[in-house]
């Protein structure tokens, strides 16, 4: 049985970073000083993401796969970044800082 965690109650959307992705990893800019949660929304293709201080996402290994047309929330530390890559198709993914 899976445990599902929803976004934190009362979250406000902040800065969004829209990233066009492909077969090479792309990194976001650093999340803000008061950002502890990000909302991730994928487009028509699934994507692999990795969050950390200087992450590099890969379609194999330790990156998380998020399906196509999915919205999910992740806990982050202020100043961290996200890296995203897509295996076969290019697409778009949006990272929104929540507060």
N, C-alpha and C. Protein backbone atom coordinates (compact mmCIF):
# COMPACT_ATOMS: atom_id res chain seq x y z
N UNK A 1 0.84 -1.17 0.00
CA UNK A 1 0.00 0.00 0.00
C UNK A 1 0.89 1.24 0.00
N UNK A 2 0.58 2.16 -0.85
CA UNK A 2 1.37 3.39 -0.97
C UNK A 2 0.84 4.46 -0.03
N UNK A 3 1.75 5.30 0.42
CA UNK A 3 1.37 6.46 1.21
C UNK A 3 1.47 7.66 0.29
N UNK A 4 0.43 8.45 0.22
CA UNK A 4 0.42 9.61 -0.64
C UNK A 4 0.49 10.87 0.20
N UNK A 5 1.46 11.72 -0.11
CA UNK A 5 1.60 13.00 0.57
C UNK A 5 1.14 14.09 -0.38
N UNK A 6 0.24 14.91 0.06
CA UNK A 6 -0.23 16.02 -0.75
C UNK A 6 0.61 17.25 -0.46
N UNK A 7 0.42 18.30 -1.24
CA UNK A 7 1.14 19.53 -1.01
C UNK A 7 0.81 20.08 0.38
N UNK A 8 1.66 20.91 0.89
CA UNK A 8 1.42 21.53 2.18
C UNK A 8 0.19 22.42 2.10
N UNK A 9 -0.68 22.39 3.11
CA UNK A 9 -1.86 23.24 3.07
C UNK A 9 -1.46 24.72 3.08
N UNK A 10 -2.13 25.52 2.29
CA UNK A 10 -1.90 26.95 2.27
C UNK A 10 -0.69 27.39 1.47
N UNK A 11 -0.17 26.55 0.59
CA UNK A 11 0.99 26.93 -0.21
C UNK A 11 0.61 28.01 -1.22
N UNK A 12 1.55 28.94 -1.42
CA UNK A 12 1.37 29.99 -2.42
C UNK A 12 2.38 29.80 -3.54
N UNK A 13 1.93 29.92 -4.79
CA UNK A 13 2.89 29.82 -5.89
C UNK A 13 3.77 31.06 -5.95
N UNK A 14 5.03 30.81 -6.22
CA UNK A 14 6.00 31.90 -6.36
C UNK A 14 6.59 31.88 -7.75
N UNK A 15 7.89 32.00 -7.82
CA UNK A 15 8.61 32.03 -9.09
C UNK A 15 8.50 30.69 -9.81
N UNK A 16 8.23 30.75 -11.11
CA UNK A 16 8.19 29.54 -11.94
C UNK A 16 9.34 29.55 -12.92
N UNK A 17 9.89 28.38 -13.16
CA UNK A 17 10.93 28.20 -14.18
C UNK A 17 10.42 27.19 -15.19
N UNK A 18 10.22 27.66 -16.42
CA UNK A 18 9.76 26.80 -17.50
C UNK A 18 10.98 26.34 -18.28
N UNK A 19 11.16 25.03 -18.36
CA UNK A 19 12.37 24.48 -18.98
C UNK A 19 11.99 23.60 -20.16
N UNK A 20 12.62 23.86 -21.30
CA UNK A 20 12.49 22.99 -22.46
C UNK A 20 13.56 21.91 -22.32
N UNK A 21 13.14 20.68 -22.39
CA UNK A 21 14.05 19.57 -22.11
C UNK A 21 14.32 18.74 -23.36
N UNK A 22 15.33 17.92 -23.25
CA UNK A 22 15.69 17.01 -24.32
C UNK A 22 16.57 15.91 -23.76
N UNK A 23 17.46 15.40 -24.58
CA UNK A 23 18.29 14.27 -24.17
C UNK A 23 19.51 14.69 -23.35
N UNK A 24 19.77 15.99 -23.23
CA UNK A 24 20.86 16.49 -22.38
C UNK A 24 20.26 17.11 -21.12
N UNK A 25 20.86 16.88 -19.96
CA UNK A 25 20.32 17.43 -18.71
C UNK A 25 20.34 18.96 -18.72
N UNK A 26 19.28 19.54 -18.17
CA UNK A 26 19.17 20.98 -18.02
C UNK A 26 18.92 21.28 -16.55
N UNK A 27 19.60 22.28 -16.03
CA UNK A 27 19.51 22.61 -14.60
C UNK A 27 18.74 23.91 -14.40
N UNK A 28 17.94 23.97 -13.34
CA UNK A 28 17.24 25.20 -12.98
C UNK A 28 18.23 26.16 -12.33
N UNK A 29 17.81 27.39 -12.12
CA UNK A 29 18.57 28.28 -11.27
C UNK A 29 18.27 27.90 -9.83
N UNK A 30 19.04 28.43 -8.91
CA UNK A 30 18.86 28.09 -7.49
C UNK A 30 17.49 28.55 -7.00
N UNK A 31 16.86 27.71 -6.17
CA UNK A 31 15.58 28.07 -5.58
C UNK A 31 15.80 29.17 -4.53
N UNK A 32 14.78 29.96 -4.28
CA UNK A 32 14.88 31.12 -3.40
C UNK A 32 15.21 30.80 -1.96
N UNK A 33 15.58 31.83 -1.22
CA UNK A 33 16.01 31.69 0.18
C UNK A 33 14.89 31.23 1.10
N UNK A 34 13.64 31.38 0.70
CA UNK A 34 12.51 30.95 1.53
C UNK A 34 11.73 29.79 0.90
N UNK A 35 12.34 29.10 -0.05
CA UNK A 35 11.66 28.01 -0.75
C UNK A 35 12.01 26.67 -0.11
N UNK A 36 10.96 25.99 0.38
CA UNK A 36 11.12 24.68 1.00
C UNK A 36 10.31 23.61 0.28
N UNK A 37 9.56 24.02 -0.74
CA UNK A 37 8.75 23.09 -1.51
C UNK A 37 8.65 23.60 -2.94
N UNK A 38 8.72 22.67 -3.92
CA UNK A 38 8.52 23.03 -5.31
C UNK A 38 7.42 22.16 -5.91
N UNK A 39 6.70 22.76 -6.82
CA UNK A 39 5.68 22.06 -7.59
C UNK A 39 6.29 21.77 -8.96
N UNK A 40 6.22 20.52 -9.39
CA UNK A 40 6.79 20.11 -10.67
C UNK A 40 5.64 19.64 -11.56
N UNK A 41 5.56 20.21 -12.78
CA UNK A 41 4.51 19.83 -13.72
C UNK A 41 5.17 19.44 -15.05
N UNK A 42 4.89 18.22 -15.49
CA UNK A 42 5.45 17.76 -16.76
C UNK A 42 4.46 18.01 -17.89
N UNK A 43 4.98 18.03 -19.10
CA UNK A 43 4.15 18.18 -20.29
C UNK A 43 3.78 16.82 -20.86
N UNK A 44 3.81 16.72 -22.17
CA UNK A 44 3.34 15.53 -22.87
C UNK A 44 4.28 14.34 -22.81
N UNK A 45 5.49 14.51 -22.25
CA UNK A 45 6.44 13.40 -22.16
C UNK A 45 6.92 13.26 -20.71
N UNK A 46 7.24 12.05 -20.33
CA UNK A 46 7.78 11.84 -18.98
C UNK A 46 9.17 12.44 -18.88
N UNK A 47 9.64 12.67 -17.65
CA UNK A 47 10.95 13.29 -17.44
C UNK A 47 11.62 12.65 -16.23
N UNK A 48 12.92 12.77 -16.17
CA UNK A 48 13.71 12.32 -15.04
C UNK A 48 14.25 13.57 -14.35
N UNK A 49 14.07 13.66 -13.02
CA UNK A 49 14.57 14.83 -12.30
C UNK A 49 15.44 14.40 -11.12
N UNK A 50 16.32 15.30 -10.76
CA UNK A 50 17.17 15.10 -9.59
C UNK A 50 17.29 16.47 -8.92
N UNK A 51 17.14 16.50 -7.60
CA UNK A 51 17.21 17.74 -6.84
C UNK A 51 18.41 17.66 -5.91
N UNK A 52 19.18 18.76 -5.83
CA UNK A 52 20.35 18.78 -4.97
C UNK A 52 21.11 20.09 -5.12
N UNK A 53 22.34 20.12 -4.60
CA UNK A 53 23.14 21.33 -4.65
C UNK A 53 23.69 21.60 -6.05
N UNK A 54 24.07 20.57 -6.78
CA UNK A 54 24.54 20.71 -8.16
C UNK A 54 24.20 19.42 -8.90
N UNK A 55 22.89 19.15 -9.09
CA UNK A 55 22.47 17.86 -9.61
C UNK A 55 22.63 17.73 -11.12
N UNK A 56 22.77 16.49 -11.56
CA UNK A 56 22.74 16.17 -12.98
C UNK A 56 21.81 14.98 -13.15
N UNK A 57 20.67 15.21 -13.77
CA UNK A 57 19.69 14.14 -13.97
C UNK A 57 20.16 13.19 -15.07
N UNK A 58 19.73 11.95 -14.96
CA UNK A 58 20.04 10.94 -15.97
C UNK A 58 18.83 10.03 -16.14
N UNK A 59 18.66 9.48 -17.32
CA UNK A 59 17.52 8.59 -17.55
C UNK A 59 17.78 7.20 -17.00
N UNK A 60 18.94 6.98 -16.41
CA UNK A 60 19.25 5.75 -15.71
C UNK A 60 19.87 6.13 -14.37
N UNK A 61 19.78 5.30 -13.40
CA UNK A 61 20.46 5.58 -12.14
C UNK A 61 19.57 6.21 -11.09
N UNK A 62 20.06 7.28 -10.46
CA UNK A 62 19.43 7.79 -9.25
C UNK A 62 18.49 8.98 -9.46
N UNK A 63 17.98 9.19 -10.67
CA UNK A 63 17.03 10.26 -10.93
C UNK A 63 15.60 9.72 -10.86
N UNK A 64 14.67 10.58 -10.41
CA UNK A 64 13.26 10.18 -10.29
C UNK A 64 12.57 10.35 -11.63
N UNK A 65 11.76 9.39 -12.01
CA UNK A 65 10.97 9.55 -13.23
C UNK A 65 9.59 10.05 -12.86
N UNK A 66 9.15 11.06 -13.59
CA UNK A 66 7.80 11.60 -13.42
C UNK A 66 7.09 11.40 -14.74
N UNK A 67 5.90 10.84 -14.70
CA UNK A 67 5.15 10.55 -15.91
C UNK A 67 4.69 11.80 -16.66
N UNK A 68 4.17 11.58 -17.85
CA UNK A 68 3.66 12.67 -18.67
C UNK A 68 2.41 13.27 -18.04
N UNK A 69 2.27 14.58 -18.16
CA UNK A 69 1.10 15.30 -17.68
C UNK A 69 0.83 15.05 -16.19
N UNK A 70 1.88 15.13 -15.40
CA UNK A 70 1.78 14.88 -13.96
C UNK A 70 2.20 16.13 -13.20
N UNK A 71 1.54 16.38 -12.07
CA UNK A 71 1.94 17.44 -11.15
C UNK A 71 2.30 16.77 -9.84
N UNK A 72 3.47 17.12 -9.28
CA UNK A 72 3.90 16.55 -8.00
C UNK A 72 4.64 17.63 -7.22
N UNK A 73 4.75 17.43 -5.92
CA UNK A 73 5.40 18.39 -5.02
C UNK A 73 6.59 17.72 -4.33
N UNK A 74 7.67 18.50 -4.17
CA UNK A 74 8.88 17.97 -3.54
C UNK A 74 9.40 18.97 -2.52
N UNK A 75 9.92 18.43 -1.43
CA UNK A 75 10.57 19.24 -0.41
C UNK A 75 11.99 19.55 -0.89
N UNK A 76 12.41 20.80 -0.73
CA UNK A 76 13.76 21.21 -1.13
C UNK A 76 14.35 22.05 0.00
N UNK A 77 15.64 22.29 -0.10
CA UNK A 77 16.35 23.19 0.79
C UNK A 77 16.61 24.48 0.01
N UNK A 78 16.42 25.64 0.64
CA UNK A 78 16.69 26.88 -0.09
C UNK A 78 18.09 26.85 -0.73
N UNK A 79 18.17 27.33 -1.96
CA UNK A 79 19.43 27.37 -2.69
C UNK A 79 19.71 26.14 -3.53
N UNK A 80 18.96 25.05 -3.31
CA UNK A 80 19.15 23.87 -4.14
C UNK A 80 18.67 24.14 -5.56
N UNK A 81 19.00 23.23 -6.47
CA UNK A 81 18.58 23.30 -7.86
C UNK A 81 17.95 21.97 -8.24
N UNK A 82 17.31 21.96 -9.39
CA UNK A 82 16.80 20.72 -9.96
C UNK A 82 17.41 20.56 -11.34
N UNK A 83 17.62 19.32 -11.73
CA UNK A 83 18.10 18.99 -13.07
C UNK A 83 17.06 18.08 -13.69
N UNK A 84 16.83 18.25 -14.98
CA UNK A 84 15.82 17.45 -15.67
C UNK A 84 16.35 17.00 -17.02
N UNK A 85 15.97 15.78 -17.41
CA UNK A 85 16.33 15.23 -18.71
C UNK A 85 15.18 14.33 -19.17
N UNK A 86 15.02 14.23 -20.48
CA UNK A 86 14.03 13.32 -21.03
C UNK A 86 14.76 12.32 -21.92
N UNK A 87 14.31 11.09 -21.89
CA UNK A 87 15.01 10.03 -22.58
C UNK A 87 14.95 10.11 -24.09
N UNK A 88 13.75 10.10 -24.68
CA UNK A 88 13.66 10.00 -26.12
C UNK A 88 13.05 11.22 -26.80
N UNK A 89 12.14 11.89 -26.14
CA UNK A 89 11.46 13.03 -26.77
C UNK A 89 11.77 14.31 -26.01
N UNK A 90 11.72 15.42 -26.69
CA UNK A 90 11.89 16.69 -26.00
C UNK A 90 10.52 17.15 -25.51
N UNK A 91 10.52 18.05 -24.56
CA UNK A 91 9.27 18.52 -24.01
C UNK A 91 9.49 19.69 -23.10
N UNK A 92 8.55 19.89 -22.19
CA UNK A 92 8.63 21.02 -21.26
C UNK A 92 8.27 20.54 -19.88
N UNK A 93 8.89 21.20 -18.89
CA UNK A 93 8.60 20.91 -17.49
C UNK A 93 8.67 22.24 -16.74
N UNK A 94 7.81 22.43 -15.75
CA UNK A 94 7.77 23.66 -15.00
C UNK A 94 8.03 23.38 -13.53
N UNK A 95 8.94 24.15 -12.94
CA UNK A 95 9.22 24.10 -11.50
C UNK A 95 8.70 25.39 -10.91
N UNK A 96 7.78 25.29 -9.94
CA UNK A 96 7.22 26.47 -9.29
C UNK A 96 7.57 26.43 -7.82
N UNK A 97 8.20 27.50 -7.32
CA UNK A 97 8.53 27.59 -5.90
C UNK A 97 7.26 27.87 -5.11
N UNK A 98 7.06 27.11 -4.04
CA UNK A 98 5.87 27.26 -3.21
C UNK A 98 6.28 27.82 -1.84
N UNK A 99 5.43 28.68 -1.31
CA UNK A 99 5.70 29.20 0.04
C UNK A 99 4.43 29.24 0.85
